[in-house]
Amino acid sequence: MRENRLEIALTYSFGIGRSTSQKMCAELDLNPSTRVRDLTDSEVNKIRLYIENNLTVEGDLRRDAQTDIKRKIEPGASQ
């Protein structure tokens, strides 16, 4: 994964797609073609903070999806 371009590597996180990845790079003023191995600690920190403050990803997103599914299958739940 360290060899991937930033734009692609970000999509490996559950909840981040190509368009979100591109938007993140634009907002953080990062070159989407930068290889992950070439990112500075400062850039990695900017990405981490952006994800924490603006996105629901990985475990939180999976838990929310499971909760929604369970709620919809309960008897009497309106569709």
Protein backbone atom coordinates (compact mmCIF):
# COMPACT_ATOMS: atom_id res chain seq x y z
CA MET A 1 0.00 0.00 0.00
CA ARG A 2 2.94 2.36 0.54
CA GLU A 3 3.56 2.26 -3.20
CA ASN A 4 0.01 3.39 -4.08
CA ARG A 5 -0.94 6.90 -4.99
CA LEU A 6 -2.62 8.80 -2.15
CA GLU A 7 -5.90 9.08 -4.03
CA ILE A 8 -6.10 5.27 -4.30
CA ALA A 9 -4.65 4.41 -0.88
CA LEU A 10 -7.32 6.43 0.93
CA THR A 11 -10.03 4.25 -0.63
CA TYR A 12 -8.70 1.24 1.27
CA SER A 13 -10.48 2.63 4.35
CA PHE A 14 -14.09 1.47 4.59
CA GLY A 15 -16.27 4.52 3.97
CA ILE A 16 -13.86 6.45 1.75
CA GLY A 17 -14.53 6.20 -1.94
CA ARG A 18 -12.81 7.75 -4.92
CA SER A 19 -14.80 11.00 -4.85
CA THR A 20 -14.29 11.46 -1.10
CA SER A 21 -10.59 10.76 -1.56
CA GLN A 22 -10.33 13.37 -4.31
CA LYS A 23 -12.28 15.91 -2.24
CA MET A 24 -9.99 15.31 0.75
CA CYS A 25 -6.86 15.83 -1.33
CA ALA A 26 -8.26 19.08 -2.74
CA GLU A 27 -9.34 20.44 0.66
CA LEU A 28 -6.03 19.53 2.30
CA ASP A 29 -4.05 20.86 -0.68
CA LEU A 30 -2.35 17.50 -1.24
CA ASN A 31 -1.31 16.11 -4.60
CA PRO A 32 -3.47 12.99 -5.21
CA SER A 33 -0.63 11.46 -7.25
CA THR A 34 1.81 11.52 -4.33
CA ARG A 35 2.95 8.05 -3.30
CA VAL A 36 2.03 7.15 0.28
CA ARG A 37 5.69 6.45 1.07
CA ASP A 38 6.54 10.06 0.14
CA LEU A 39 4.08 11.71 2.54
CA THR A 40 5.57 13.77 5.35
CA ASP A 41 4.52 13.26 8.97
CA SER A 42 2.73 16.61 8.79
CA GLU A 43 0.69 15.50 5.76
CA VAL A 44 -0.21 12.19 7.40
CA ASN A 45 -1.34 14.07 10.49
CA LYS A 46 -3.50 16.43 8.38
CA ILE A 47 -5.17 13.42 6.76
CA ARG A 48 -5.77 11.71 10.09
CA LEU A 49 -7.31 14.84 11.64
CA TYR A 50 -9.52 15.42 8.60
CA ILE A 51 -10.87 11.87 8.77
CA GLU A 52 -11.47 12.06 12.53
CA ASN A 53 -13.31 15.37 12.30
CA ASN A 54 -15.25 15.02 9.04
CA LEU A 55 -15.91 11.39 8.18
CA THR A 56 -17.48 8.27 9.62
CA VAL A 57 -15.27 5.34 8.63
CA GLU A 58 -14.32 1.76 9.46
CA GLY A 59 -15.76 0.45 12.75
CA ASP A 60 -18.13 3.35 13.39
CA LEU A 61 -19.58 3.14 9.90
CA ARG A 62 -19.93 -0.66 10.05
CA ARG A 63 -21.68 -0.41 13.44
CA ASP A 64 -24.08 2.26 12.14
CA ALA A 65 -24.93 0.12 9.11
CA GLN A 66 -25.56 -2.97 11.29
CA THR A 67 -27.79 -0.94 13.63
CA ASP A 68 -29.82 0.36 10.66
CA ILE A 69 -30.23 -3.16 9.27
CA LYS A 70 -31.34 -4.59 12.62
CA ARG A 71 -33.80 -1.73 13.12
CA LYS A 72 -35.33 -2.33 9.70
CA ILE A 73 -35.81 -6.07 10.23
CA GLU A 74 -37.53 -5.71 13.60
CA PRO A 75 -41.20 -6.67 13.50
CA GLY A 76 -43.43 -3.66 13.01
CA ALA A 77 -40.67 -1.48 11.62
CA SER A 78 -41.95 0.80 8.91
CA GLN A 79 -40.23 0.37 5.57
